[in-house]
Amino acid sequence: MESLSDYLRQILYSPKLEDKLVSIPENIFLDNKFFEVKDFPEREEKISFSDKKSKIPRLEHLNSEINRAISIHHFANHELMAIELFAWALLKFPNMDDKTKLDTLKTISEEQKHFLMYKKRMNELGLDFGDRPLNQIFWKYTKYMTSFEKFTSILSISFEGANLDFSLVYEKAFENYGDKKSANIMNQVFKDEIKHVKRGLNFLESKKKNISFWEYYNSLIEHPFTPRRAKGFFYIPETRRKVGFEEDFIFQLGEYKDEFSNRKKEIIPEELLDCGIYTG
């Protein structure tokens, strides 16, 4: 019977992509071994992190197959980082309860499924994973993840929360340009992301004292990480209601602005406006 720690260490410390995508063994033993965990994963050269910038194409440029492939490549990179980071967190904080461990393993499994869907689709569109530079944006914040609560506030509530917006908007954008295959992938990612963010919310709600969730969330993050990371450049409040966030949190997040808020606005195709997109 394979232990949890052995499985997680394979995801983190094997440089091979295929080793990071191996399915969770049945009847995995949930051990509580403590390891000194490095704050970065091992990766072979083709999928290694790069300081070169690779911008995601703007929505109005997604009529091009290669631009859709590049967008999907960005999303696949986020999925792989999430797989590695959830493995990192389970190793970093081994004393969490078994339910939280099993919930986190479910999320890893679903992230692996997303990555494989993205990889297959980008291959069909003429791009392979690693053909474009891969950033390490999620990994830059591990120094602020000093507890599983703080990890959850950054990865689940913030980065996965933002993907509620991105996945829905890109589903509609791909559909708008006639790419039903890519749109269907984004729809599946959106549905799973609802579950992921809800797992994070439920975990933090179990730890929260007599304060609002907005106050608790802000107590767990620190500058330069801000709530702006918890939403896309388009904010869709209804997605947070599907998760189960308090109305106060939904409102406060929608109103929040900081230095990241000054990015040039995307052009929204008219067909996307019925999504209830909040552009403030």
Protein backbone atom coordinates (compact mmCIF):
# COMPACT_ATOMS: atom_id res chain seq x y z
CA MET A 1 0.00 0.00 0.00
CA GLU A 2 1.47 3.34 -1.04
CA SER A 3 1.67 6.07 1.58
CA LEU A 4 0.33 9.56 1.04
CA SER A 5 3.74 11.12 1.61
CA ASP A 6 5.42 8.90 -1.01
CA TYR A 7 2.76 9.80 -3.58
CA LEU A 8 3.04 13.53 -2.84
CA ARG A 9 6.84 13.48 -2.95
CA GLN A 10 6.64 11.91 -6.41
CA ILE A 11 4.47 14.80 -7.63
CA LEU A 12 6.82 17.39 -6.18
CA TYR A 13 10.25 15.89 -6.68
CA SER A 14 10.07 13.83 -9.85
CA PRO A 15 11.03 16.15 -12.71
CA LYS A 16 8.93 14.13 -15.17
CA LEU A 17 5.55 15.47 -16.19
CA GLU A 18 3.98 12.00 -16.32
CA ASP A 19 4.93 11.37 -12.67
CA LYS A 20 3.03 14.49 -11.61
CA LEU A 21 -0.10 13.19 -13.34
CA VAL A 22 -0.23 9.65 -11.92
CA SER A 23 -3.66 8.88 -10.46
CA ILE A 24 -4.02 8.66 -6.70
CA PRO A 25 -3.53 5.01 -5.63
CA GLU A 26 -6.58 3.22 -4.28
CA ASN A 27 -6.57 2.69 -0.50
CA ILE A 28 -3.72 5.17 -0.07
CA PHE A 29 -2.34 5.20 3.48
CA LEU A 30 -2.81 8.65 5.07
CA ASP A 31 0.42 8.90 7.01
CA ASN A 32 1.48 11.95 9.02
CA LYS A 33 5.21 11.97 8.24
CA PHE A 34 6.91 15.33 8.54
CA PHE A 35 9.43 16.32 5.86
CA GLU A 36 11.45 19.45 5.23
CA VAL A 37 9.66 20.64 2.11
CA LYS A 38 11.40 22.74 -0.52
CA ASP A 39 9.48 25.79 -1.71
CA PHE A 40 9.70 24.82 -5.37
CA PRO A 41 9.09 21.66 -7.40
CA GLU A 42 11.49 19.68 -9.55
CA ARG A 43 10.79 19.94 -13.29
CA GLU A 44 12.55 18.66 -16.39
CA GLU A 45 13.89 21.23 -18.84
CA LYS A 46 10.90 21.36 -21.22
CA ILE A 47 8.48 22.25 -18.40
CA SER A 48 10.84 24.30 -16.23
CA PHE A 49 9.94 27.78 -15.04
CA SER A 50 11.10 30.72 -17.10
CA ASP A 51 11.62 34.41 -16.45
CA LYS A 52 10.60 35.14 -20.03
CA LYS A 53 7.15 36.67 -20.33
CA SER A 54 4.39 35.05 -22.32
CA LYS A 55 1.28 37.20 -22.33
CA ILE A 56 -2.14 35.62 -22.56
CA PRO A 57 -3.94 36.82 -25.70
CA ARG A 58 -6.74 39.32 -25.25
CA LEU A 59 -10.32 38.15 -25.71
CA GLU A 60 -10.78 39.94 -29.02
CA HIS A 61 -7.83 38.00 -30.47
CA LEU A 62 -9.25 34.53 -29.75
CA ASN A 63 -10.57 34.20 -33.32
CA SER A 64 -7.10 32.75 -34.04
CA GLU A 65 -6.40 29.05 -33.31
CA ILE A 66 -2.87 29.74 -32.10
CA ASN A 67 -4.11 32.41 -29.70
CA ARG A 68 -6.66 29.98 -28.28
CA ALA A 69 -3.87 27.41 -27.90
CA ILE A 70 -1.66 29.96 -26.09
CA SER A 71 -4.52 30.82 -23.73
CA ILE A 72 -5.07 27.14 -22.94
CA HIS A 73 -1.31 26.76 -22.38
CA HIS A 74 -1.54 29.45 -19.68
CA PHE A 75 -4.42 27.64 -18.02
CA ALA A 76 -2.57 24.31 -18.15
CA ASN A 77 0.41 25.90 -16.41
CA HIS A 78 -1.89 27.08 -13.62
CA GLU A 79 -3.28 23.55 -13.26
CA LEU A 80 0.16 21.98 -12.99
CA MET A 81 1.23 24.52 -10.37
CA ALA A 82 -1.96 23.79 -8.44
CA ILE A 83 -1.29 20.03 -8.53
CA GLU A 84 2.21 20.61 -7.17
CA LEU A 85 1.12 23.16 -4.57
CA PHE A 86 -1.66 21.03 -3.13
CA ALA A 87 0.91 18.21 -2.82
CA TRP A 88 3.32 20.68 -1.19
CA ALA A 89 0.67 21.78 1.32
CA LEU A 90 -0.23 18.21 2.33
CA LEU A 91 3.46 17.54 3.00
CA LYS A 92 4.08 20.90 4.66
CA PHE A 93 1.13 20.59 7.06
CA PRO A 94 0.84 16.82 7.69
CA ASN A 95 -1.25 17.05 10.87
CA MET A 96 -4.49 18.17 9.22
CA ASP A 97 -7.51 15.92 9.71
CA ASP A 98 -8.21 13.01 7.35
CA LYS A 99 -11.29 14.66 5.79
CA THR A 100 -9.25 17.70 4.76
CA LYS A 101 -6.55 15.42 3.35
CA LEU A 102 -9.10 13.44 1.32
CA ASP A 103 -10.77 16.63 0.08
CA THR A 104 -7.39 17.95 -1.01
CA LEU A 105 -6.59 14.69 -2.81
CA LYS A 106 -9.90 14.99 -4.69
CA THR A 107 -8.84 18.44 -5.79
CA ILE A 108 -5.44 17.14 -6.96
CA SER A 109 -7.19 14.44 -8.99
CA GLU A 110 -9.51 16.97 -10.62
CA GLU A 111 -6.62 19.32 -11.39
CA GLN A 112 -4.81 16.42 -13.09
CA LYS A 113 -7.93 15.80 -15.20
CA HIS A 114 -8.06 19.49 -16.17
CA PHE A 115 -4.40 19.53 -17.14
CA LEU A 116 -4.82 16.49 -19.40
CA MET A 117 -7.87 18.01 -21.09
CA TYR A 118 -5.96 21.24 -21.68
CA LYS A 119 -2.89 19.41 -22.99
CA LYS A 120 -4.90 17.34 -25.44
CA ARG A 121 -6.75 20.40 -26.73
CA MET A 122 -3.64 22.56 -27.14
CA ASN A 123 -2.01 19.67 -29.04
CA GLU A 124 -4.99 19.65 -31.40
CA LEU A 125 -4.50 23.38 -31.91
CA GLY A 126 -0.79 22.97 -32.71
CA LEU A 127 0.96 23.62 -29.39
CA ASP A 128 2.58 21.32 -26.85
CA PHE A 129 2.93 22.02 -23.15
CA GLY A 130 6.26 23.71 -22.58
CA ASP A 131 6.43 25.24 -26.06
CA ARG A 132 5.78 28.61 -24.41
CA PRO A 133 7.53 30.08 -21.33
CA LEU A 134 6.01 28.90 -18.04
CA ASN A 135 5.72 31.39 -15.19
CA GLN A 136 5.82 30.48 -11.50
CA ILE A 137 3.31 33.03 -10.24
CA PHE A 138 1.62 30.74 -7.69
CA TRP A 139 4.94 29.51 -6.28
CA LYS A 140 6.08 33.07 -5.56
CA TYR A 141 3.71 33.19 -2.58
CA THR A 142 4.75 30.06 -0.65
CA LYS A 143 6.65 32.22 1.83
CA TYR A 144 3.27 33.64 2.91
CA MET A 145 1.69 30.18 3.22
CA THR A 146 2.81 29.50 6.79
CA SER A 147 -0.32 27.56 7.77
CA PHE A 148 -2.90 25.52 5.88
CA GLU A 149 -5.38 28.32 6.58
CA LYS A 150 -3.11 30.85 4.85
CA PHE A 151 -2.42 28.40 2.03
CA THR A 152 -6.17 27.95 1.53
CA SER A 153 -6.83 31.69 1.52
CA ILE A 154 -4.22 32.20 -1.21
CA LEU A 155 -4.67 29.16 -3.42
CA SER A 156 -8.31 28.12 -2.99
CA ILE A 157 -10.13 31.35 -2.15
CA SER A 158 -7.94 33.64 -4.27
CA PHE A 159 -6.34 31.91 -7.25
CA GLU A 160 -9.04 29.28 -7.70
CA GLY A 161 -11.64 31.91 -6.88
CA ALA A 162 -10.35 34.09 -9.71
CA ASN A 163 -10.61 31.11 -12.03
CA LEU A 164 -14.37 31.09 -11.44
CA ASP A 165 -14.37 34.30 -13.45
CA PHE A 166 -11.73 33.33 -16.01
CA SER A 167 -13.16 29.89 -16.81
CA LEU A 168 -16.68 31.22 -17.37
CA VAL A 169 -15.55 34.19 -19.47
CA TYR A 170 -13.24 32.05 -21.62
CA GLU A 171 -15.94 29.43 -22.07
CA LYS A 172 -18.19 32.11 -23.55
CA ALA A 173 -15.32 33.62 -25.57
CA PHE A 174 -14.29 30.28 -27.12
CA GLU A 175 -17.92 29.56 -27.88
CA ASN A 176 -18.28 32.99 -29.46
CA TYR A 177 -15.47 32.19 -31.89
CA GLY A 178 -16.92 28.78 -32.79
CA ASP A 179 -14.55 26.63 -30.70
CA LYS A 180 -17.03 24.35 -28.96
CA LYS A 181 -14.36 21.84 -27.88
CA SER A 182 -12.40 24.43 -25.92
CA ALA A 183 -15.62 25.93 -24.54
CA ASN A 184 -16.72 22.53 -23.21
CA ILE A 185 -13.38 22.12 -21.40
CA MET A 186 -13.78 25.51 -19.74
CA ASN A 187 -17.32 24.55 -18.68
CA GLN A 188 -16.02 21.40 -16.96
CA VAL A 189 -13.23 23.36 -15.28
CA PHE A 190 -15.76 25.93 -14.06
CA LYS A 191 -17.99 23.24 -12.53
CA ASP A 192 -15.04 21.63 -10.74
CA GLU A 193 -13.68 25.00 -9.61
CA ILE A 194 -16.97 25.65 -7.80
CA LYS A 195 -16.26 22.48 -5.77
CA HIS A 196 -12.63 23.43 -5.13
CA VAL A 197 -13.43 26.91 -3.84
CA LYS A 198 -16.27 25.50 -1.74
CA ARG A 199 -13.85 23.03 -0.10
CA GLY A 200 -11.59 25.96 0.77
CA LEU A 201 -14.50 28.02 2.06
CA ASN A 202 -15.83 25.17 4.22
CA PHE A 203 -12.39 24.56 5.71
CA LEU A 204 -11.89 28.21 6.61
CA GLU A 205 -15.43 28.57 7.93
CA SER A 206 -14.63 25.76 10.38
CA LYS A 207 -11.69 27.84 11.70
CA LYS A 208 -13.29 31.29 11.66
CA LYS A 209 -14.30 32.93 14.94
CA ASN A 210 -16.94 35.64 15.44
CA ILE A 211 -15.92 37.89 12.56
CA SER A 212 -17.10 38.20 8.97
CA PHE A 213 -15.51 35.99 6.35
CA TRP A 214 -14.17 39.11 4.61
CA GLU A 215 -12.35 40.13 7.81
CA TYR A 216 -11.05 36.62 8.38
CA TYR A 217 -9.82 36.28 4.80
CA ASN A 218 -7.97 39.60 5.02
CA SER A 219 -6.37 38.53 8.30
CA LEU A 220 -4.83 35.53 6.50
CA ILE A 221 -3.21 37.37 3.59
CA GLU A 222 -0.50 39.99 3.63
CA HIS A 223 0.89 42.55 1.19
CA PRO A 224 1.90 42.30 -1.63
CA PHE A 225 -0.83 39.65 -1.91
CA THR A 226 -4.21 41.38 -1.92
CA PRO A 227 -7.88 40.45 -2.51
CA ARG A 228 -7.47 41.63 -6.11
CA ARG A 229 -5.96 38.19 -6.77
CA ALA A 230 -9.29 36.61 -5.80
CA LYS A 231 -11.12 37.82 -8.92
CA GLY A 232 -10.57 38.01 -12.63
CA PHE A 233 -10.33 41.23 -14.58
CA PHE A 234 -14.03 40.59 -15.03
CA TYR A 235 -15.84 39.81 -11.80
CA ILE A 236 -18.96 37.62 -11.87
CA PRO A 237 -20.61 37.79 -8.42
CA GLU A 238 -23.10 35.01 -9.14
CA THR A 239 -20.27 32.47 -9.23
CA ARG A 240 -19.42 33.29 -5.59
CA ARG A 241 -23.08 32.78 -4.65
CA LYS A 242 -22.92 29.31 -6.21
CA VAL A 243 -19.97 28.56 -3.90
CA GLY A 244 -21.81 29.88 -0.81
CA PHE A 245 -19.90 33.03 0.13
CA GLU A 246 -21.55 35.62 2.39
CA GLU A 247 -23.12 38.54 0.51
CA ASP A 248 -20.82 40.92 2.36
CA PHE A 249 -17.76 39.07 1.03
CA ILE A 250 -19.16 39.09 -2.51
CA PHE A 251 -19.80 42.84 -2.34
CA GLN A 252 -16.48 43.74 -0.70
CA LEU A 253 -14.53 41.68 -3.23
CA GLY A 254 -16.36 43.32 -6.11
CA GLU A 255 -15.57 46.80 -4.79
CA TYR A 256 -11.93 46.10 -3.91
CA LYS A 257 -9.26 47.91 -5.95
CA ASP A 258 -5.49 48.21 -5.73
CA GLU A 259 -2.51 48.75 -8.03
CA PHE A 260 -3.41 45.63 -10.04
CA SER A 261 -6.74 47.22 -10.98
CA ASN A 262 -5.23 49.59 -13.54
CA ARG A 263 -4.62 46.99 -16.27
CA LYS A 264 -5.94 47.99 -19.68
CA LYS A 265 -9.52 46.79 -19.86
CA GLU A 266 -10.36 43.85 -22.08
CA ILE A 267 -12.81 44.40 -24.90
CA ILE A 268 -15.91 42.40 -24.07
CA PRO A 269 -17.62 40.88 -27.11
CA GLU A 270 -21.30 41.80 -26.97
CA GLU A 271 -22.24 38.13 -26.79
CA LEU A 272 -20.54 37.89 -23.39
CA LEU A 273 -22.37 40.76 -21.75
CA ASP A 274 -25.29 38.55 -20.65
CA CYS A 275 -22.94 36.71 -18.26
CA GLY A 276 -23.52 39.39 -15.62
CA ILE A 277 -19.90 40.54 -15.84
CA TYR A 278 -18.99 43.24 -13.35
CA THR A 279 -16.17 45.36 -14.78
CA GLY A 280 -15.57 47.63 -11.81
